[in-house]
Amino acid sequence: QVQLVESGGDLVQPGGSLRLSCAASGSWNRIRAMGWYRQAPGTQREMVAVIASGGGTAYADSVRGRFTISRDYAKDTVYLQMNSLKPEDTAVYYCRLDVRTYQRDDVSYWGKGTLVTVSS
């Protein structure tokens, strides 16, 4: 059974920083990608940042230059360093894991989410 454990969400003032972590555990053939998505009240879930197995990254335009995604391959953990936070970054942040199973299926898993609130 695959599990994703997220941590790091908190209340922070505008201009502040936070670091989110997501540790994956379970069984798979290989990890294809890990990423962070967010959902603010009344909006759809959106991609924030993704890191592929080869290390390539992609960012939403709204966070590029402020957020950095990284991965610890040994620990199957993905991080999101968030700097210069703005009130509009307030959302529940979800970790997503994309794997190739031993049955050669591509499957995605979601964490339960961690709340980031940016407010003075």
Protein backbone atom coordinates (compact mmCIF):
# COMPACT_ATOMS: atom_id res chain seq x y z
CA GLN A 1 0.00 0.00 0.00
CA VAL A 2 1.37 3.37 -1.03
CA GLN A 3 1.36 6.17 1.55
CA LEU A 4 2.25 9.83 1.25
CA VAL A 5 2.95 11.79 4.41
CA GLU A 6 3.03 15.56 4.00
CA SER A 7 4.27 18.09 6.52
CA GLY A 8 5.31 21.71 6.80
CA GLY A 9 2.09 23.63 6.33
CA ASP A 10 1.67 26.59 8.67
CA LEU A 11 0.54 30.18 9.09
CA VAL A 12 3.13 32.61 7.75
CA GLN A 13 3.25 36.34 7.12
CA PRO A 14 3.46 37.75 3.59
CA GLY A 15 7.06 37.70 2.41
CA GLY A 16 7.88 34.73 4.60
CA SER A 17 9.08 31.24 3.74
CA LEU A 18 7.96 27.68 4.32
CA ARG A 19 9.29 24.27 3.35
CA LEU A 20 6.88 21.45 2.63
CA SER A 21 7.92 17.79 2.72
CA CYS A 22 6.26 14.67 1.36
CA ALA A 23 7.62 11.22 2.13
CA ALA A 24 6.44 8.30 0.00
CA SER A 25 6.42 4.68 1.07
CA GLY A 26 5.19 1.50 -0.56
CA SER A 27 6.01 -0.74 -3.46
CA TRP A 28 6.43 0.17 -7.12
CA ASN A 29 8.64 -0.54 -10.07
CA ARG A 30 9.83 3.02 -10.38
CA ILE A 31 8.78 6.59 -9.62
CA ARG A 32 7.92 8.56 -12.73
CA ALA A 33 7.37 11.93 -11.08
CA MET A 34 6.55 13.65 -7.80
CA GLY A 35 4.82 16.96 -7.48
CA TRP A 36 2.91 19.53 -5.49
CA TYR A 37 -0.56 20.78 -6.28
CA ARG A 38 -2.75 23.23 -4.41
CA GLN A 39 -6.39 24.05 -4.00
CA ALA A 40 -7.77 27.26 -2.57
CA PRO A 41 -11.40 27.51 -1.41
CA GLY A 42 -13.78 27.73 -4.36
CA THR A 43 -11.12 26.91 -6.93
CA GLN A 44 -9.91 23.84 -8.80
CA ARG A 45 -6.78 22.01 -7.83
CA GLU A 46 -3.81 23.33 -9.78
CA MET A 47 -0.27 22.19 -10.43
CA VAL A 48 2.37 24.10 -8.47
CA ALA A 49 5.57 22.23 -9.25
CA VAL A 50 6.59 18.82 -10.56
CA ILE A 51 9.90 16.98 -10.67
CA ALA A 52 10.36 14.08 -13.07
CA SER A 53 12.45 10.98 -12.48
CA GLY A 54 15.32 12.45 -14.49
CA GLY A 55 15.31 15.63 -12.46
CA GLY A 56 13.48 17.88 -14.89
CA THR A 57 11.15 20.37 -13.23
CA ALA A 58 8.08 22.37 -14.16
CA TYR A 59 6.47 25.26 -12.31
CA ALA A 60 3.26 27.21 -12.46
CA ASP A 61 3.85 30.72 -13.77
CA SER A 62 2.51 32.15 -10.51
CA VAL A 63 5.27 30.55 -8.41
CA ARG A 64 8.25 30.42 -10.78
CA GLY A 65 11.21 32.19 -9.22
CA ARG A 66 9.76 31.97 -5.72
CA PHE A 67 9.24 28.23 -5.19
CA THR A 68 11.77 25.43 -5.66
CA ILE A 69 10.96 21.73 -5.87
CA SER A 70 13.58 19.14 -5.01
CA ARG A 71 13.75 15.44 -4.31
CA ASP A 72 15.75 13.12 -2.10
CA TYR A 73 15.95 9.97 -4.21
CA ALA A 74 17.25 7.83 -1.36
CA LYS A 75 14.33 8.74 0.88
CA ASP A 76 11.63 8.95 -1.81
CA THR A 77 10.85 12.39 -0.44
CA VAL A 78 9.93 15.55 -2.31
CA TYR A 79 10.28 19.06 -0.95
CA LEU A 80 8.81 22.42 -1.87
CA GLN A 81 10.74 25.46 -0.70
CA MET A 82 8.40 28.44 -0.81
CA ASN A 83 9.86 31.94 -0.53
CA SER A 84 8.35 35.41 -0.83
CA LEU A 85 4.96 34.01 0.03
CA LYS A 86 1.87 35.99 -0.92
CA PRO A 87 -1.69 35.87 0.44
CA GLU A 88 -2.77 34.31 -2.86
CA ASP A 89 -0.55 31.32 -2.09
CA THR A 90 -2.97 30.38 0.68
CA ALA A 91 -4.31 26.90 -0.09
CA VAL A 92 -4.23 23.26 0.84
CA TYR A 93 -1.09 21.80 -0.74
CA TYR A 94 -1.23 18.21 -1.95
CA CYS A 95 1.61 15.89 -2.78
CA ARG A 96 1.23 13.63 -5.81
CA LEU A 97 3.24 10.53 -6.67
CA ASP A 98 3.25 9.02 -10.17
CA VAL A 99 4.60 5.48 -10.38
CA ARG A 100 4.99 2.61 -12.81
CA THR A 101 3.80 -0.54 -11.07
CA TYR A 102 5.29 -4.00 -11.40
CA GLN A 103 2.25 -4.78 -13.54
CA ARG A 104 3.39 -1.99 -15.90
CA ASP A 105 0.47 0.27 -15.00
CA ASP A 106 0.90 4.02 -14.50
CA VAL A 107 -0.80 5.02 -11.27
CA SER A 108 -1.03 8.31 -9.37
CA TYR A 109 -1.40 8.69 -5.62
CA TRP A 110 -2.36 11.75 -3.59
CA GLY A 111 -1.53 12.84 -0.08
CA LYS A 112 -4.13 14.17 2.32
CA GLY A 113 -2.89 17.74 2.04
CA THR A 114 -1.26 20.32 4.28
CA LEU A 115 -2.65 23.80 4.85
CA VAL A 116 -0.58 26.88 4.04
CA THR A 117 -2.01 30.19 5.18
CA VAL A 118 -0.31 33.45 4.24
CA SER A 119 -1.70 36.31 6.28
CA SER A 120 -0.61 39.18 8.46
